[in-house]
Amino acid sequence: MRVTEITAYHVRIPLRKPVRHASHARIDTESLVVRCRLENGVIGWGEGLPREYVTGETIDDAWKLLQTSDLPRQLGGRWTGIPDAIAALDQFQVTRPAADERDCFGNSVRCAIELSVLDAVCRTQQQPLSVVTTLIPETVAIRSSQDFVRYSAVFTAMSIYAQVRRAVMCWYFGFKAAKVKTGVEGVDDRQMLRRLRFLLGRTFDLRLDANESWTCANLEAKLAPLLPFGISSVEQPVPHEQVDGLAGLRGRIGVPLMLDESLCSLVDGRRAVEQGTCDLFNIRLSKCGGFVNSLRLAALAQQAGLGYQLGCQVGETGILSAAGRHFATSVSNIRFLEGSYDRFLVREWLTREDITFGRGGIAPALTGAGLGVTVDESAVARVAQRELRIEV
């Protein structure tokens, strides 16, 4: 097998509703979609979401990285199977700036390229993407095989009417857990949690995501009035620049700490373990540089006695949703699962299959070869803002 062509698309897709949290407000998604063609004619697809407030790169940065990272040299080898492709992708690097000490700038590009190659190679070998989990040595202790997984809901900054409506829908459709965005200007977090707890009941799992809106100096004061409502964790409560200060607060604030914006690479993960700054990792395929790096982060967390969830980024299409499903059904002990919001979130589907979760957040494993979904190339063409074709 050999890669002969990589084609990148900058796509812009409107969201069904604006999504707002403490770090950003979004009405559409600007994403990088990549198509990989092998010499046998098999095509694979990948997706990455450049987010400046997460890993530092914009969609324009991603475009430049594609042009400067010498893909023909890095992806021009010949492979006999999936292990060869994984080994080659392990060596693949985007042209990162010298100051990138966290090794995460350009992770959306790395994710999109890696997924497209793995999709094509797995299709050639007639294996689902989830087989990759069994081929990474570090994953021995976390390998699993599940027929179904359960996603959680999310409450972003929204009107009281919308909160009540979503809470009723969560209860009616049998959801068991939800993330609540806090720290948004103009929103009374305590009243919101009181309302949600009343509507959802005492056994419903609620966790918080502050999106860097608090500080180490005020974290205890911000959390104190919220803890009586039974919070299972708080995600990224402080800006990345203050994350080391969480080591002194962890275990003292009465709720487990989860890292997100401060957990974008194995460098970040190892530092979090060494510094003792968290209890949980929020792993997201795009921000963490792809499927394989995300597997290694889960394995690192497990080895260190930490928990982990599989998160998602606002605006993921069915391509990344499918990759997340393969991760979720092949990795054990995922504390919370986010994603597969396709039908509820994006106005344009890029996959012919609807893989949105069903009642109660339950969704089946994808068993087809590669990602197990069919990309609608006409849909990609409709939303593409620009295209870049690179012969390998």
Protein backbone atom coordinates (compact mmCIF):
# COMPACT_ATOMS: atom_id res chain seq x y z
CA MET A 1 0.00 0.00 0.00
CA ARG A 2 1.11 3.53 -0.73
CA VAL A 3 -0.46 6.99 -0.37
CA THR A 4 -0.66 8.73 -3.74
CA GLU A 5 -2.68 11.84 -2.94
CA ILE A 6 -3.80 13.96 0.00
CA THR A 7 -6.61 16.45 -0.60
CA ALA A 8 -7.55 18.97 2.08
CA TYR A 9 -10.79 20.96 2.31
CA HIS A 10 -11.44 24.00 4.45
CA VAL A 11 -15.14 23.62 5.21
CA ARG A 12 -17.55 26.00 6.89
CA ILE A 13 -20.82 24.58 8.21
CA PRO A 14 -23.52 26.61 10.00
CA LEU A 15 -24.66 25.32 13.38
CA ARG A 16 -28.35 24.80 14.05
CA LYS A 17 -28.11 27.07 17.09
CA PRO A 18 -25.39 29.37 18.45
CA VAL A 19 -23.19 27.67 21.04
CA ARG A 20 -21.77 29.88 23.77
CA HIS A 21 -19.48 29.19 26.71
CA ALA A 22 -17.03 31.20 28.81
CA SER A 23 -14.21 31.00 26.24
CA HIS A 24 -16.01 31.43 22.95
CA ALA A 25 -19.28 31.84 21.08
CA ARG A 26 -19.81 30.02 17.79
CA ILE A 27 -22.47 30.10 15.06
CA ASP A 28 -20.64 27.87 12.60
CA THR A 29 -17.74 25.46 12.44
CA GLU A 30 -14.61 25.94 10.38
CA SER A 31 -13.01 22.56 10.01
CA LEU A 32 -10.29 20.78 8.09
CA VAL A 33 -11.46 17.71 6.16
CA VAL A 34 -8.80 15.51 4.54
CA ARG A 35 -9.16 12.83 1.87
CA CYS A 36 -6.40 10.24 1.45
CA ARG A 37 -6.14 8.18 -1.73
CA LEU A 38 -4.06 4.99 -1.88
CA GLU A 39 -2.53 3.59 -5.05
CA ASN A 40 -5.14 0.81 -5.00
CA GLY A 41 -7.86 3.47 -5.36
CA VAL A 42 -9.17 3.16 -1.79
CA ILE A 43 -10.10 6.49 -0.18
CA GLY A 44 -10.05 7.41 3.49
CA TRP A 45 -11.30 10.51 5.31
CA GLY A 46 -10.24 12.48 8.35
CA GLU A 47 -11.26 15.65 10.16
CA GLY A 48 -9.66 18.18 12.49
CA LEU A 49 -11.03 21.33 14.12
CA PRO A 50 -8.44 24.10 14.45
CA ARG A 51 -9.30 26.13 17.53
CA GLU A 52 -6.99 29.01 18.46
CA TYR A 53 -8.26 29.10 22.06
CA VAL A 54 -7.40 25.39 22.51
CA THR A 55 -4.20 24.43 20.65
CA GLY A 56 -3.30 27.80 19.18
CA GLU A 57 -3.88 27.22 15.47
CA THR A 58 -6.50 28.87 13.27
CA ILE A 59 -7.83 27.40 10.04
CA ASP A 60 -5.35 29.62 8.18
CA ASP A 61 -2.50 28.23 10.30
CA ALA A 62 -3.68 24.71 9.49
CA TRP A 63 -3.67 25.52 5.79
CA LYS A 64 -0.09 26.81 5.97
CA LEU A 65 1.02 23.71 7.89
CA LEU A 66 -0.35 21.48 5.15
CA GLN A 67 1.72 23.38 2.60
CA THR A 68 4.97 23.43 4.61
CA SER A 69 5.07 20.00 6.30
CA ASP A 70 6.45 18.07 3.27
CA LEU A 71 3.74 15.42 3.10
CA PRO A 72 5.31 13.60 0.11
CA ARG A 73 8.48 12.90 2.07
CA GLN A 74 6.70 11.93 5.29
CA LEU A 75 3.88 9.84 3.81
CA GLY A 76 5.61 8.51 0.70
CA GLY A 77 6.60 5.09 2.01
CA ARG A 78 5.12 1.71 1.13
CA TRP A 79 3.27 -0.29 3.80
CA THR A 80 2.23 -3.91 4.06
CA GLY A 81 -0.44 -3.45 6.70
CA ILE A 82 -1.95 -1.37 9.50
CA PRO A 83 1.08 -1.65 11.85
CA ASP A 84 3.32 -0.17 9.15
CA ALA A 85 0.93 2.74 8.68
CA ILE A 86 0.80 3.39 12.45
CA ALA A 87 4.62 3.37 12.60
CA ALA A 88 4.84 5.87 9.73
CA LEU A 89 2.21 8.14 11.28
CA ASP A 90 4.09 8.04 14.58
CA GLN A 91 6.97 9.75 12.79
CA PHE A 92 4.74 12.28 11.02
CA GLN A 93 5.19 15.88 12.21
CA VAL A 94 3.74 19.20 11.14
CA THR A 95 6.08 22.18 10.95
CA ARG A 96 5.58 23.48 14.46
CA PRO A 97 7.13 26.70 15.82
CA ALA A 98 10.22 26.35 18.01
CA ALA A 99 8.31 27.86 20.93
CA ASP A 100 5.73 25.05 20.96
CA GLU A 101 6.90 23.49 24.23
CA ARG A 102 3.57 21.70 24.69
CA ASP A 103 3.87 19.93 21.31
CA CYS A 104 0.25 20.66 20.37
CA PHE A 105 0.27 23.42 17.74
CA GLY A 106 -1.15 21.90 14.56
CA ASN A 107 -2.78 18.94 16.29
CA SER A 108 -5.93 19.40 14.20
CA VAL A 109 -3.85 18.87 11.04
CA ARG A 110 -2.16 15.82 12.48
CA CYS A 111 -5.54 14.38 13.51
CA ALA A 112 -7.15 14.93 10.11
CA ILE A 113 -4.25 13.39 8.20
CA GLU A 114 -3.85 10.46 10.58
CA LEU A 115 -7.55 9.56 10.46
CA SER A 116 -7.67 9.78 6.66
CA VAL A 117 -4.70 7.44 6.31
CA LEU A 118 -5.93 4.98 8.93
CA ASP A 119 -9.41 4.98 7.38
CA ALA A 120 -7.97 4.12 3.95
CA VAL A 121 -5.57 1.48 5.27
CA CYS A 122 -8.19 -0.16 7.49
CA ARG A 123 -10.63 -0.23 4.57
CA THR A 124 -8.00 -1.95 2.44
CA GLN A 125 -7.46 -4.53 5.19
CA GLN A 126 -11.24 -4.86 5.79
CA GLN A 127 -10.83 -3.93 9.47
CA PRO A 128 -12.69 -1.34 11.56
CA LEU A 129 -10.71 1.62 12.88
CA SER A 130 -11.15 0.26 16.40
CA VAL A 131 -8.63 -2.48 15.60
CA VAL A 132 -5.93 0.19 15.96
CA THR A 133 -6.53 0.14 19.74
CA THR A 134 -5.32 -3.47 19.86
CA LEU A 135 -2.11 -2.57 17.99
CA ILE A 136 -0.81 0.10 20.39
CA PRO A 137 1.32 -1.59 23.10
CA GLU A 138 0.46 0.97 25.79
CA THR A 139 -3.27 0.14 25.61
CA VAL A 140 -3.07 -3.42 26.98
CA ALA A 141 -4.72 -2.48 30.30
CA ILE A 142 -7.53 -0.42 28.76
CA ARG A 143 -8.58 -2.46 25.72
CA SER A 144 -12.25 -3.31 25.49
CA SER A 145 -14.90 -4.34 22.99
CA GLN A 146 -18.37 -2.92 23.52
CA ASP A 147 -21.46 -3.27 21.38
CA PHE A 148 -23.00 -0.05 22.69
CA VAL A 149 -21.89 3.12 24.46
CA ARG A 150 -23.81 5.90 26.23
CA TYR A 151 -23.26 9.59 25.50
CA SER A 152 -24.05 12.41 27.92
CA ALA A 153 -25.96 15.64 27.28
CA VAL A 154 -24.70 19.22 27.56
CA PHE A 155 -26.13 22.50 28.83
CA THR A 156 -24.42 25.52 27.27
CA ALA A 157 -25.25 29.17 27.98
CA MET A 158 -28.95 29.38 27.12
CA SER A 159 -32.20 30.98 28.23
CA ILE A 160 -34.10 29.65 31.21
CA TYR A 161 -36.81 28.39 28.87
CA ALA A 162 -34.21 26.49 26.82
CA GLN A 163 -32.65 25.03 29.98
CA VAL A 164 -36.00 23.75 31.20
CA ARG A 165 -36.88 22.36 27.78
CA ARG A 166 -33.56 20.52 27.50
CA ALA A 167 -33.80 19.19 31.05
CA VAL A 168 -37.28 17.82 30.36
CA MET A 169 -36.00 16.22 27.15
CA CYS A 170 -33.06 14.66 29.05
CA TRP A 171 -35.42 13.21 31.61
CA TYR A 172 -37.95 12.02 29.04
CA PHE A 173 -35.39 10.36 26.77
CA GLY A 174 -33.53 8.66 29.59
CA PHE A 175 -30.18 10.44 29.76
CA LYS A 176 -28.10 9.73 32.85
CA ALA A 177 -25.49 12.52 32.80
CA ALA A 178 -24.80 16.01 31.47
CA LYS A 179 -22.08 18.64 31.35
CA VAL A 180 -23.05 22.16 32.44
CA LYS A 181 -21.14 25.17 31.13
CA THR A 182 -20.44 27.63 33.96
CA GLY A 183 -18.61 30.92 34.38
CA VAL A 184 -20.48 32.59 31.51
CA GLU A 185 -20.95 36.32 31.99
CA GLY A 186 -24.49 37.23 32.99
CA VAL A 187 -25.45 33.70 34.08
CA ASP A 188 -26.18 32.87 37.73
CA ASP A 189 -24.51 29.46 38.06
CA ARG A 190 -26.07 28.69 41.43
CA GLN A 191 -29.62 29.34 40.25
CA MET A 192 -29.00 27.37 37.07
CA LEU A 193 -27.76 24.33 39.00
CA ARG A 194 -30.60 24.58 41.50
CA ARG A 195 -33.05 24.56 38.59
CA LEU A 196 -31.38 21.64 36.81
CA ARG A 197 -31.10 19.55 39.95
CA PHE A 198 -34.79 20.10 40.70
CA LEU A 199 -35.79 19.10 37.17
CA LEU A 200 -33.39 16.17 36.72
CA GLY A 201 -33.45 14.64 40.20
CA ARG A 202 -30.75 13.77 42.71
CA THR A 203 -29.35 10.74 40.88
CA PHE A 204 -28.68 12.51 37.58
CA ASP A 205 -24.92 13.05 37.11
CA LEU A 206 -23.99 16.72 36.67
CA ARG A 207 -20.46 17.90 35.99
CA LEU A 208 -19.20 21.43 35.37
CA ASP A 209 -17.04 22.97 32.68
CA ALA A 210 -15.76 26.46 33.49
CA ASN A 211 -13.72 26.89 30.28
CA GLU A 212 -10.90 28.76 32.08
CA SER A 213 -13.27 31.41 33.47
CA TRP A 214 -12.10 31.30 37.10
CA THR A 215 -8.71 31.70 38.78
CA CYS A 216 -6.76 29.82 41.41
CA ALA A 217 -7.43 32.75 43.74
CA ASN A 218 -11.22 32.58 43.47
CA LEU A 219 -11.81 28.93 42.61
CA GLU A 220 -12.85 27.85 46.11
CA ALA A 221 -15.21 30.81 46.44
CA LYS A 222 -16.76 30.14 43.02
CA LEU A 223 -17.29 26.45 43.73
CA ALA A 224 -18.53 26.65 47.32
CA PRO A 225 -22.15 27.65 46.48
CA LEU A 226 -22.32 25.04 43.70
CA LEU A 227 -21.13 21.96 45.59
CA PRO A 228 -24.44 21.36 47.45
CA PHE A 229 -26.00 20.42 44.12
CA GLY A 230 -23.92 17.25 43.83
CA ILE A 231 -21.19 17.92 41.27
CA SER A 232 -19.14 14.98 39.99
CA SER A 233 -16.24 17.03 38.55
CA VAL A 234 -15.19 20.48 37.39
CA GLU A 235 -13.41 20.85 34.06
CA GLN A 236 -10.65 23.39 33.32
CA PRO A 237 -11.64 25.90 36.00
CA VAL A 238 -8.61 28.18 35.45
CA PRO A 239 -6.60 29.45 32.44
CA HIS A 240 -3.76 27.24 31.27
CA GLU A 241 -1.24 29.77 32.56
CA GLN A 242 -2.46 29.07 36.10
CA VAL A 243 -2.86 25.31 35.82
CA ASP A 244 0.14 24.47 38.02
CA GLY A 245 -1.66 26.18 40.90
CA LEU A 246 -4.33 23.48 40.84
CA ALA A 247 -1.89 21.09 42.52
CA GLY A 248 -2.31 22.98 45.79
CA LEU A 249 -6.10 23.10 45.46
CA ARG A 250 -6.73 19.55 44.31
CA GLY A 251 -8.27 17.46 47.07
CA ARG A 252 -9.14 20.60 49.03
CA ILE A 253 -12.02 21.93 46.96
CA GLY A 254 -14.35 18.97 47.41
CA VAL A 255 -14.71 17.93 43.76
CA PRO A 256 -12.43 16.13 41.25
CA LEU A 257 -10.57 18.36 38.78
CA MET A 258 -10.51 17.65 35.04
CA LEU A 259 -8.09 19.20 32.54
CA ASP A 260 -9.17 20.13 29.01
CA GLU A 261 -7.47 23.16 27.45
CA SER A 262 -4.40 22.18 29.50
CA LEU A 263 -4.48 18.59 28.19
CA CYS A 264 -3.64 18.72 24.48
CA SER A 265 -0.63 16.40 24.15
CA LEU A 266 1.41 13.72 25.83
CA VAL A 267 3.70 16.50 27.05
CA ASP A 268 0.70 18.06 28.82
CA GLY A 269 -0.42 14.69 30.16
CA ARG A 270 2.95 13.81 31.63
CA ARG A 271 3.26 17.24 33.21
CA ALA A 272 -0.20 16.91 34.77
CA VAL A 273 0.78 13.56 36.28
CA GLU A 274 4.12 14.86 37.57
CA GLN A 275 2.65 18.06 38.99
CA GLY A 276 -0.50 16.43 40.40
CA THR A 277 -2.80 19.05 38.90
CA CYS A 278 -5.87 16.92 38.11
CA ASP A 279 -7.94 13.83 38.74
CA LEU A 280 -9.27 13.40 35.19
CA PHE A 281 -8.19 13.96 31.58
CA ASN A 282 -10.61 15.28 28.96
CA ILE A 283 -9.33 13.60 25.79
CA ARG A 284 -10.54 14.97 22.44
CA LEU A 285 -9.25 13.47 19.22
CA SER A 286 -8.63 16.71 17.31
CA LYS A 287 -6.99 18.73 20.08
CA CYS A 288 -4.87 15.74 21.17
CA GLY A 289 -3.42 15.09 17.72
CA GLY A 290 -5.39 12.06 16.58
CA PHE A 291 -6.56 8.58 17.48
CA VAL A 292 -3.22 7.07 18.49
CA ASN A 293 -2.08 9.98 20.69
CA SER A 294 -5.50 9.93 22.37
CA LEU A 295 -5.13 6.22 23.09
CA ARG A 296 -1.77 6.87 24.69
CA LEU A 297 -3.20 9.65 26.83
CA ALA A 298 -5.92 7.30 28.12
CA ALA A 299 -3.28 4.68 28.88
CA LEU A 300 -1.15 7.29 30.69
CA ALA A 301 -4.12 8.34 32.82
CA GLN A 302 -4.95 4.75 33.71
CA GLN A 303 -1.36 3.99 34.66
CA ALA A 304 -1.24 7.09 36.88
CA GLY A 305 -4.49 6.20 38.63
CA LEU A 306 -6.43 9.04 36.99
CA GLY A 307 -9.78 8.93 35.21
CA TYR A 308 -10.53 10.10 31.70
CA GLN A 309 -13.42 11.05 29.47
CA LEU A 310 -13.70 11.24 25.70
CA GLY A 311 -14.87 14.71 24.81
CA CYS A 312 -15.64 16.43 21.52
CA GLN A 313 -15.29 19.89 20.00
CA VAL A 314 -18.21 22.05 18.93
CA GLY A 315 -19.01 21.44 15.28
CA GLU A 316 -17.60 17.96 14.76
CA THR A 317 -19.21 16.27 11.75
CA GLY A 318 -19.96 12.59 11.25
CA ILE A 319 -16.32 11.93 10.29
CA LEU A 320 -14.94 12.78 13.74
CA SER A 321 -18.07 11.41 15.41
CA ALA A 322 -17.36 8.04 13.78
CA ALA A 323 -13.72 8.11 14.92
CA GLY A 324 -14.86 8.93 18.45
CA ARG A 325 -17.31 6.02 18.37
CA HIS A 326 -14.49 3.61 17.47
CA PHE A 327 -12.43 4.99 20.35
CA ALA A 328 -15.31 4.74 22.82
CA THR A 329 -16.21 1.15 21.94
CA SER A 330 -12.62 -0.09 22.10
CA VAL A 331 -11.39 1.62 25.31
CA SER A 332 -12.54 0.65 28.78
CA ASN A 333 -13.35 2.79 31.83
CA ILE A 334 -14.26 6.00 29.99
CA ARG A 335 -15.84 8.08 32.76
CA PHE A 336 -17.98 10.29 30.51
CA LEU A 337 -18.60 10.30 26.77
CA GLU A 338 -19.39 13.32 24.61
CA GLY A 339 -20.05 13.67 20.88
CA SER A 340 -22.25 12.27 18.09
CA TYR A 341 -24.45 15.39 18.25
CA ASP A 342 -24.61 15.53 14.43
CA ARG A 343 -28.36 15.76 13.83
CA PHE A 344 -28.80 18.25 16.66
CA LEU A 345 -25.84 20.48 15.88
CA VAL A 346 -24.68 20.87 12.25
CA ARG A 347 -26.88 21.98 9.35
CA GLU A 348 -24.93 20.02 6.73
CA TRP A 349 -24.12 16.33 7.10
CA LEU A 350 -20.89 15.10 5.56
CA THR A 351 -21.70 11.42 6.05
CA ARG A 352 -24.58 9.58 4.41
CA GLU A 353 -25.25 7.66 7.63
CA ASP A 354 -26.84 9.36 10.64
CA ILE A 355 -24.75 8.26 13.60
CA THR A 356 -26.32 10.63 16.10
CA PHE A 357 -26.90 8.92 19.46
CA GLY A 358 -30.35 7.60 20.20
CA ARG A 359 -32.65 7.48 23.21
CA GLY A 360 -30.77 7.78 26.48
CA GLY A 361 -27.62 8.75 24.59
CA ILE A 362 -27.11 5.14 23.54
CA ALA A 363 -25.32 4.42 20.27
CA PRO A 364 -24.07 1.17 18.69
CA ALA A 365 -20.52 0.26 17.71
CA LEU A 366 -19.57 0.87 14.09
CA THR A 367 -18.47 -2.43 12.58
CA GLY A 368 -17.74 -1.56 8.96
CA ALA A 369 -14.23 -1.24 7.57
CA GLY A 370 -12.29 1.91 8.44
CA LEU A 371 -14.47 4.60 9.96
CA GLY A 372 -17.53 2.57 8.99
CA VAL A 373 -19.29 5.56 7.39
CA THR A 374 -19.68 6.86 3.85
CA VAL A 375 -18.60 10.45 3.20
CA ASP A 376 -20.85 12.41 0.85
CA GLU A 377 -18.34 14.12 -1.44
CA SER A 378 -21.03 16.38 -2.92
CA ALA A 379 -21.78 17.67 0.59
CA VAL A 380 -18.07 18.33 1.17
CA ALA A 381 -17.94 20.27 -2.11
CA ARG A 382 -20.97 22.38 -1.10
CA VAL A 383 -19.39 23.59 2.15
CA ALA A 384 -15.76 23.76 0.99
CA GLN A 385 -14.23 27.24 1.08
CA ARG A 386 -10.96 26.14 -0.52
CA GLU A 387 -9.22 22.97 -1.62
CA LEU A 388 -5.58 21.85 -1.62
CA ARG A 389 -4.38 18.76 -3.49
CA ILE A 390 -0.93 17.31 -2.74
CA GLU A 391 0.55 14.43 -4.73
CA VAL A 392 2.58 12.05 -2.61
